[in-house]
Amino acid sequence: MDQPLAAMQPKDVQIDDLLLKRTFLEHLNYIYYGKHHLINFFNEVKDIAKLTVLKQALQECIDDTESQIKQMDEVYKAIGENPSQANTLSIKAMTLEAYLVTIKTGKTALEKDVFILFYLQQIEGIEITYFKVLKNLAKSIGYSSSFLDQPFDLAVENKLFFEQIYKEYIS
């Protein structure tokens, strides 16, 4: 007798490969198009940032993001898919909030830099989560997850780098 889904435990749920592949592709599309949006955002906040170290960190983030997009192009090629426009509303909302908080509120240059770093850490945290999800989905459907290692590692490195700069500001 089939159990109602609500009464089942996660280990009891069987998700077919087609659904897993579709879910994987949706997440991949989200992060892919989110990264395209982030390049524009990083360029905008780089112009707002005042401290040289933050400007340099943002340029490195732009370069890393462009590299991650190229790596993700290879992922699409490896799985025989093409990027498909995805709703990236949540990342756009966060970057809009970050932009408004740093620009429109009359903050000092130092306050703006600290807020930029705060939002950059949040963005990297989201990216880390998405890459973890993608790696787990890839494994579950038989894809190699190793092609996601480098983009994941870059997101972790960037988050730690922004945390380090942030700590220098506030200590």
Protein backbone atom coordinates (compact mmCIF):
# COMPACT_ATOMS: atom_id res chain seq x y z
CA MET A 1 0.00 0.00 0.00
CA ASP A 2 1.37 3.41 -0.93
CA GLN A 3 2.03 5.84 1.88
CA PRO A 4 0.89 9.44 1.50
CA LEU A 5 3.91 11.59 0.59
CA ALA A 6 3.53 13.69 3.74
CA ALA A 7 3.92 10.57 5.91
CA MET A 8 7.04 9.33 4.14
CA GLN A 9 10.59 9.79 5.29
CA PRO A 10 13.16 11.22 2.85
CA LYS A 11 14.78 7.78 2.49
CA ASP A 12 11.42 6.37 1.34
CA VAL A 13 10.99 8.84 -1.52
CA GLN A 14 12.11 7.72 -4.96
CA ILE A 15 12.69 10.51 -7.47
CA ASP A 16 13.10 9.42 -11.05
CA ASP A 17 16.15 10.41 -13.06
CA LEU A 18 14.19 12.65 -15.41
CA LEU A 19 12.97 14.80 -12.52
CA LEU A 20 16.47 14.89 -11.01
CA LYS A 21 17.98 15.92 -14.36
CA ARG A 22 15.37 18.64 -14.80
CA THR A 23 16.02 19.88 -11.25
CA PHE A 24 19.77 19.83 -11.88
CA LEU A 25 19.34 21.83 -15.07
CA GLU A 26 17.06 24.37 -13.38
CA HIS A 27 19.63 24.95 -10.65
CA LEU A 28 22.44 25.12 -13.18
CA ASN A 29 20.50 27.68 -15.23
CA TYR A 30 19.79 29.75 -12.12
CA ILE A 31 23.42 29.99 -11.09
CA TYR A 32 24.55 30.48 -14.70
CA TYR A 33 22.27 33.43 -15.36
CA GLY A 34 22.74 34.69 -11.82
CA LYS A 35 26.47 34.89 -12.51
CA HIS A 36 25.84 36.90 -15.68
CA HIS A 37 23.84 39.34 -13.57
CA LEU A 38 26.54 39.42 -10.90
CA ILE A 39 29.21 40.56 -13.34
CA ASN A 40 27.20 43.73 -13.94
CA PHE A 41 26.59 44.15 -10.21
CA PHE A 42 30.27 43.66 -9.35
CA ASN A 43 31.26 46.26 -11.92
CA GLU A 44 28.76 48.75 -10.46
CA VAL A 45 29.89 48.29 -6.85
CA LYS A 46 33.54 48.38 -7.90
CA ASP A 47 32.87 51.93 -9.06
CA ILE A 48 31.25 52.72 -5.68
CA ALA A 49 33.96 51.12 -3.53
CA LYS A 50 36.62 53.49 -2.25
CA LEU A 51 39.38 51.36 -0.80
CA THR A 52 41.84 49.95 -3.28
CA VAL A 53 41.85 46.50 -1.66
CA LEU A 54 38.07 46.24 -2.13
CA LYS A 55 38.28 47.41 -5.75
CA GLN A 56 40.97 44.80 -6.39
CA ALA A 57 38.90 42.11 -4.66
CA LEU A 58 35.89 43.01 -6.80
CA GLN A 59 37.97 42.84 -9.97
CA GLU A 60 39.23 39.43 -8.90
CA CYS A 61 35.62 38.42 -8.27
CA ILE A 62 34.67 39.60 -11.76
CA ASP A 63 37.52 37.57 -13.25
CA ASP A 64 36.55 34.51 -11.16
CA THR A 65 32.91 34.85 -12.18
CA GLU A 66 33.84 35.01 -15.86
CA SER A 67 35.98 31.91 -15.34
CA GLN A 68 33.10 30.12 -13.58
CA ILE A 69 30.78 30.95 -16.47
CA LYS A 70 33.27 29.41 -18.91
CA GLN A 71 33.50 26.32 -16.70
CA MET A 72 29.72 26.11 -16.60
CA ASP A 73 29.65 26.35 -20.41
CA GLU A 74 31.78 23.20 -20.33
CA VAL A 75 29.28 21.57 -17.95
CA TYR A 76 26.47 22.29 -20.40
CA LYS A 77 28.56 20.84 -23.22
CA ALA A 78 29.42 17.73 -21.16
CA ILE A 79 25.78 16.96 -20.39
CA GLY A 80 24.54 17.83 -23.90
CA GLU A 81 22.38 20.77 -22.82
CA ASN A 82 22.22 24.49 -23.55
CA PRO A 83 21.66 27.25 -21.01
CA SER A 84 18.02 28.20 -20.72
CA GLN A 85 16.94 31.53 -19.27
CA ALA A 86 16.06 31.14 -15.61
CA ASN A 87 14.29 33.30 -13.08
CA THR A 88 17.03 34.88 -10.99
CA LEU A 89 14.71 37.19 -9.09
CA SER A 90 16.14 36.40 -5.65
CA ILE A 91 19.73 37.24 -6.61
CA LYS A 92 18.55 40.35 -8.46
CA ALA A 93 16.53 41.43 -5.43
CA MET A 94 19.54 41.01 -3.14
CA THR A 95 21.84 42.95 -5.44
CA LEU A 96 19.23 45.70 -5.82
CA GLU A 97 18.94 45.89 -2.05
CA ALA A 98 22.73 46.04 -1.76
CA TYR A 99 22.90 48.77 -4.36
CA LEU A 100 20.17 50.83 -2.68
CA VAL A 101 21.65 50.38 0.80
CA THR A 102 25.10 51.47 -0.34
CA ILE A 103 24.08 54.28 -2.67
CA LYS A 104 20.79 55.79 -1.67
CA THR A 105 21.12 56.06 2.09
CA GLY A 106 23.74 58.76 2.48
CA LYS A 107 26.38 56.50 3.95
CA THR A 108 30.01 57.49 4.22
CA ALA A 109 32.51 55.88 1.86
CA LEU A 110 33.71 53.53 4.61
CA GLU A 111 30.15 52.51 5.50
CA LYS A 112 29.45 51.81 1.83
CA ASP A 113 32.53 49.59 1.60
CA VAL A 114 31.50 47.65 4.72
CA PHE A 115 27.99 47.12 3.35
CA ILE A 116 29.36 46.04 -0.02
CA LEU A 117 31.48 43.43 1.76
CA PHE A 118 28.47 42.27 3.77
CA TYR A 119 26.42 41.68 0.63
CA LEU A 120 29.33 40.07 -1.21
CA GLN A 121 29.58 37.51 1.59
CA GLN A 122 25.85 36.79 1.32
CA ILE A 123 26.12 36.32 -2.45
CA GLU A 124 29.05 33.93 -2.10
CA GLY A 125 27.11 31.98 0.54
CA ILE A 126 24.25 31.53 -1.92
CA GLU A 127 26.67 30.42 -4.63
CA ILE A 128 28.28 27.89 -2.29
CA THR A 129 24.87 26.44 -1.48
CA TYR A 130 23.89 26.21 -5.15
CA PHE A 131 27.13 24.50 -6.11
CA LYS A 132 26.71 22.01 -3.23
CA VAL A 133 23.18 21.24 -4.42
CA LEU A 134 24.43 20.85 -8.00
CA LYS A 135 27.22 18.51 -6.89
CA ASN A 136 24.75 16.33 -4.95
CA LEU A 137 22.26 16.27 -7.83
CA ALA A 138 25.03 15.45 -10.31
CA LYS A 139 26.13 12.47 -8.23
CA SER A 140 22.57 11.21 -7.84
CA ILE A 141 21.96 11.14 -11.61
CA GLY A 142 25.30 9.68 -12.56
CA TYR A 143 27.07 12.83 -13.74
CA SER A 144 30.56 13.45 -12.54
CA SER A 145 30.45 16.19 -9.95
CA SER A 146 34.17 16.95 -10.40
CA PHE A 147 33.37 19.54 -13.07
CA LEU A 148 31.70 21.57 -10.31
CA ASP A 149 34.67 21.39 -7.95
CA GLN A 150 36.51 24.41 -9.33
CA PRO A 151 33.49 26.78 -9.41
CA PHE A 152 32.57 25.61 -5.89
CA ASP A 153 36.13 26.11 -4.64
CA LEU A 154 36.26 29.62 -6.15
CA ALA A 155 33.01 30.56 -4.39
CA VAL A 156 34.41 29.30 -1.06
CA GLU A 157 37.70 31.14 -1.59
CA ASN A 158 35.90 34.37 -2.48
CA LYS A 159 33.65 34.13 0.57
CA LEU A 160 36.66 33.63 2.85
CA PHE A 161 38.51 36.46 1.11
CA PHE A 162 35.60 38.87 1.59
CA GLU A 163 35.26 37.78 5.23
CA GLN A 164 38.96 38.51 5.77
CA ILE A 165 38.66 42.00 4.26
CA TYR A 166 35.48 42.62 6.27
CA LYS A 167 37.23 41.65 9.51
CA GLU A 168 40.06 44.06 8.72
CA TYR A 169 37.52 46.86 8.31
CA ILE A 170 35.69 46.27 11.55
CA SER A 171 38.61 45.40 13.84
